[in-house]
């Protein structure tokens, strides 16, 4: 499992997932306002490269960055970490907590069950 992302790293990683492959200016443009300074983005990208979340291809003096892990893979890793460390590795406890904390209606749960059954087919 890759290391956990800090808040700043996660924000930049979200932008990288959005652009899929791009230069620092593209990643900066994909960030939400208020945008950090260009040099700050470059620093965070370097950290993401060091942590193994991002790789790059060099074109002259510019680097084109791309993720080494998908958003779905990272989300799954974080969810598995939460389940293991906060919910006794129990999907039932995790789901129960989520339903209670988010006041999910029974009708919504029915819709979710239908979707899950469709995905199993």
C-alpha atoms as a PDB file:
ATOM      1  CA  UNK A   1       0.000   0.000   0.000  1.00  0.00           C
ATOM      2  CA  UNK A   2       1.258   3.437  -0.867  1.00  0.00           C
ATOM      3  CA  UNK A   3       1.626   6.033   1.846  1.00  0.00           C
ATOM      4  CA  UNK A   4      -1.269   8.227   2.895  1.00  0.00           C
ATOM      5  CA  UNK A   5      -1.630  11.640   1.278  1.00  0.00           C
ATOM      6  CA  UNK A   6      -1.638  14.882   3.235  1.00  0.00           C
ATOM      7  CA  UNK A   7      -4.456  17.355   2.559  1.00  0.00           C
ATOM      8  CA  UNK A   8      -2.312  19.434   0.176  1.00  0.00           C
ATOM      9  CA  UNK A   9      -1.041  16.319  -1.602  1.00  0.00           C
ATOM     10  CA  UNK A  10      -4.576  14.998  -1.967  1.00  0.00           C
ATOM     11  CA  UNK A  11      -5.762  18.283  -3.507  1.00  0.00           C
ATOM     12  CA  UNK A  12      -2.975  18.189  -6.085  1.00  0.00           C
ATOM     13  CA  UNK A  13      -3.546  14.473  -6.672  1.00  0.00           C
ATOM     14  CA  UNK A  14      -7.245  15.162  -7.337  1.00  0.00           C
ATOM     15  CA  UNK A  15      -6.169  17.644 -10.024  1.00  0.00           C
ATOM     16  CA  UNK A  16      -3.718  15.135 -11.518  1.00  0.00           C
ATOM     17  CA  UNK A  17      -6.448  12.476 -11.652  1.00  0.00           C
ATOM     18  CA  UNK A  18      -8.677  15.032 -13.357  1.00  0.00           C
ATOM     19  CA  UNK A  19      -6.162  15.985 -16.073  1.00  0.00           C
ATOM     20  CA  UNK A  20      -4.850  12.375 -16.290  1.00  0.00           C
ATOM     21  CA  UNK A  21      -1.596  13.541 -17.851  1.00  0.00           C
ATOM     22  CA  UNK A  22      -0.324  17.093 -17.868  1.00  0.00           C
ATOM     23  CA  UNK A  23       2.248  19.711 -17.090  1.00  0.00           C
ATOM     24  CA  UNK A  24       2.397  21.672 -13.824  1.00  0.00           C
ATOM     25  CA  UNK A  25       0.437  24.568 -15.377  1.00  0.00           C
ATOM     26  CA  UNK A  26      -2.359  22.138 -16.361  1.00  0.00           C
ATOM     27  CA  UNK A  27      -2.469  20.740 -12.842  1.00  0.00           C
ATOM     28  CA  UNK A  28      -2.536  24.253 -11.367  1.00  0.00           C
ATOM     29  CA  UNK A  29      -5.442  25.188 -13.658  1.00  0.00           C
ATOM     30  CA  UNK A  30      -7.398  22.106 -12.495  1.00  0.00           C
ATOM     31  CA  UNK A  31      -7.085  23.104  -8.823  1.00  0.00           C
ATOM     32  CA  UNK A  32     -10.001  24.853  -7.166  1.00  0.00           C
ATOM     33  CA  UNK A  33      -9.822  28.457  -6.025  1.00  0.00           C
ATOM     34  CA  UNK A  34      -8.062  29.791  -4.088  1.00  0.00           C
ATOM     35  CA  UNK A  35      -5.201  28.271  -6.062  1.00  0.00           C
ATOM     36  CA  UNK A  36      -1.806  27.839  -4.423  1.00  0.00           C
ATOM     37  CA  UNK A  37       1.306  29.423  -5.917  1.00  0.00           C
ATOM     38  CA  UNK A  38       2.871  27.688  -8.929  1.00  0.00           C
ATOM     39  CA  UNK A  39       6.037  26.884  -6.931  1.00  0.00           C
ATOM     40  CA  UNK A  40       3.931  25.345  -4.166  1.00  0.00           C
ATOM     41  CA  UNK A  41       2.265  23.054  -6.705  1.00  0.00           C
ATOM     42  CA  UNK A  42       5.687  22.034  -8.068  1.00  0.00           C
ATOM     43  CA  UNK A  43       6.888  21.249  -4.542  1.00  0.00           C
ATOM     44  CA  UNK A  44       3.845  19.087  -3.806  1.00  0.00           C
ATOM     45  CA  UNK A  45       4.252  17.300  -7.153  1.00  0.00           C
ATOM     46  CA  UNK A  46       7.880  16.522  -6.273  1.00  0.00           C
ATOM     47  CA  UNK A  47       6.721  15.018  -2.973  1.00  0.00           C
ATOM     48  CA  UNK A  48       4.114  12.940  -4.836  1.00  0.00           C
ATOM     49  CA  UNK A  49       6.850  11.696  -7.168  1.00  0.00           C
ATOM     50  CA  UNK A  50       9.043  10.793  -4.170  1.00  0.00           C
ATOM     51  CA  UNK A  51       6.128   8.926  -2.550  1.00  0.00           C
ATOM     52  CA  UNK A  52       5.496   7.014  -5.775  1.00  0.00           C
ATOM     53  CA  UNK A  53       2.045   8.435  -6.558  1.00  0.00           C
ATOM     54  CA  UNK A  54       3.196  10.308  -9.662  1.00  0.00           C
ATOM     55  CA  UNK A  55       5.726   9.750 -12.439  1.00  0.00           C
ATOM     56  CA  UNK A  56       6.784  12.061 -15.228  1.00  0.00           C
ATOM     57  CA  UNK A  57       8.209  12.202 -18.709  1.00  0.00           C
ATOM     58  CA  UNK A  58      10.610  15.019 -19.538  1.00  0.00           C
ATOM     59  CA  UNK A  59      10.301  17.105 -22.683  1.00  0.00           C
ATOM     60  CA  UNK A  60      13.194  19.548 -22.828  1.00  0.00           C
ATOM     61  CA  UNK A  61      12.906  21.567 -19.622  1.00  0.00           C
ATOM     62  CA  UNK A  62       9.294  20.574 -18.884  1.00  0.00           C
ATOM     63  CA  UNK A  63       7.897  17.517 -17.153  1.00  0.00           C
ATOM     64  CA  UNK A  64       4.600  15.890 -18.027  1.00  0.00           C
ATOM     65  CA  UNK A  65       3.121  14.277 -14.919  1.00  0.00           C
ATOM     66  CA  UNK A  66       0.772  11.304 -14.623  1.00  0.00           C
ATOM     67  CA  UNK A  67      -0.582   9.232 -11.722  1.00  0.00           C
ATOM     68  CA  UNK A  68       0.758   5.772 -10.915  1.00  0.00           C
ATOM     69  CA  UNK A  69      -2.394   4.854  -9.008  1.00  0.00           C
ATOM     70  CA  UNK A  70      -5.998   5.472  -9.999  1.00  0.00           C
ATOM     71  CA  UNK A  71      -8.389   7.451  -7.868  1.00  0.00           C
ATOM     72  CA  UNK A  72     -10.442   4.270  -7.400  1.00  0.00           C
ATOM     73  CA  UNK A  73      -7.407   2.271  -6.225  1.00  0.00           C
ATOM     74  CA  UNK A  74      -6.417   4.960  -3.728  1.00  0.00           C
ATOM     75  CA  UNK A  75     -10.013   5.306  -2.492  1.00  0.00           C
ATOM     76  CA  UNK A  76     -10.217   1.552  -1.987  1.00  0.00           C
ATOM     77  CA  UNK A  77      -6.921   1.493  -0.068  1.00  0.00           C
ATOM     78  CA  UNK A  78      -8.091   4.284   2.239  1.00  0.00           C
ATOM     79  CA  UNK A  79     -11.457   2.597   2.766  1.00  0.00           C
ATOM     80  CA  UNK A  80      -9.779  -0.717   3.615  1.00  0.00           C
ATOM     81  CA  UNK A  81      -7.512   1.128   6.076  1.00  0.00           C
ATOM     82  CA  UNK A  82     -10.530   2.719   7.774  1.00  0.00           C
ATOM     83  CA  UNK A  83     -12.397  -0.575   7.887  1.00  0.00           C
ATOM     84  CA  UNK A  84      -9.436  -2.412   9.403  1.00  0.00           C
ATOM     85  CA  UNK A  85      -8.370   0.250  11.911  1.00  0.00           C
ATOM     86  CA  UNK A  86     -11.698   1.760  12.982  1.00  0.00           C
ATOM     87  CA  UNK A  87     -14.362  -0.884  12.322  1.00  0.00           C
ATOM     88  CA  UNK A  88     -12.728  -4.178  13.403  1.00  0.00           C
ATOM     89  CA  UNK A  89     -12.274  -5.064   9.733  1.00  0.00           C
ATOM     90  CA  UNK A  90     -16.055  -5.417   9.526  1.00  0.00           C
ATOM     91  CA  UNK A  91     -17.907  -4.215   6.438  1.00  0.00           C
ATOM     92  CA  UNK A  92     -21.112  -4.460   8.445  1.00  0.00           C
ATOM     93  CA  UNK A  93     -19.823  -2.069  11.148  1.00  0.00           C
ATOM     94  CA  UNK A  94     -18.486   0.336   8.528  1.00  0.00           C
ATOM     95  CA  UNK A  95     -21.729   0.379   6.557  1.00  0.00           C
ATOM     96  CA  UNK A  96     -23.831   0.696   9.707  1.00  0.00           C
ATOM     97  CA  UNK A  97     -21.763   3.695  10.818  1.00  0.00           C
ATOM     98  CA  UNK A  98     -22.044   5.292   7.387  1.00  0.00           C
ATOM     99  CA  UNK A  99     -25.821   4.812   7.259  1.00  0.00           C
ATOM    100  CA  UNK A 100     -26.330   6.245  10.753  1.00  0.00           C
ATOM    101  CA  UNK A 101     -23.975   9.204  10.336  1.00  0.00           C
ATOM    102  CA  UNK A 102     -25.445  10.209   6.988  1.00  0.00           C
ATOM    103  CA  UNK A 103     -29.110   9.675   7.909  1.00  0.00           C
ATOM    104  CA  UNK A 104     -29.668   7.468   4.884  1.00  0.00           C
ATOM    105  CA  UNK A 105     -33.338   6.692   4.310  1.00  0.00           C
ATOM    106  CA  UNK A 106     -34.595   3.145   3.834  1.00  0.00           C
ATOM    107  CA  UNK A 107     -35.700   4.023   0.319  1.00  0.00           C
ATOM    108  CA  UNK A 108     -32.119   5.055  -0.500  1.00  0.00           C
ATOM    109  CA  UNK A 109     -30.840   1.776   0.931  1.00  0.00           C
ATOM    110  CA  UNK A 110     -33.307  -0.094  -1.267  1.00  0.00           C
ATOM    111  CA  UNK A 111     -31.983   1.758  -4.310  1.00  0.00           C
ATOM    112  CA  UNK A 112     -28.408   0.934  -3.307  1.00  0.00           C
ATOM    113  CA  UNK A 113     -29.320  -2.750  -2.897  1.00  0.00           C
ATOM    114  CA  UNK A 114     -30.892  -2.775  -6.365  1.00  0.00           C
ATOM    115  CA  UNK A 115     -27.748  -1.221  -7.846  1.00  0.00           C
ATOM    116  CA  UNK A 116     -25.541  -3.776  -6.102  1.00  0.00           C
ATOM    117  CA  UNK A 117     -27.681  -6.655  -7.351  1.00  0.00           C
ATOM    118  CA  UNK A 118     -27.476  -5.274 -10.896  1.00  0.00           C
ATOM    119  CA  UNK A 119     -23.677  -5.020 -10.658  1.00  0.00           C
ATOM    120  CA  UNK A 120     -23.412  -8.674  -9.573  1.00  0.00           C
ATOM    121  CA  UNK A 121     -25.155  -9.863 -12.744  1.00  0.00           C
END
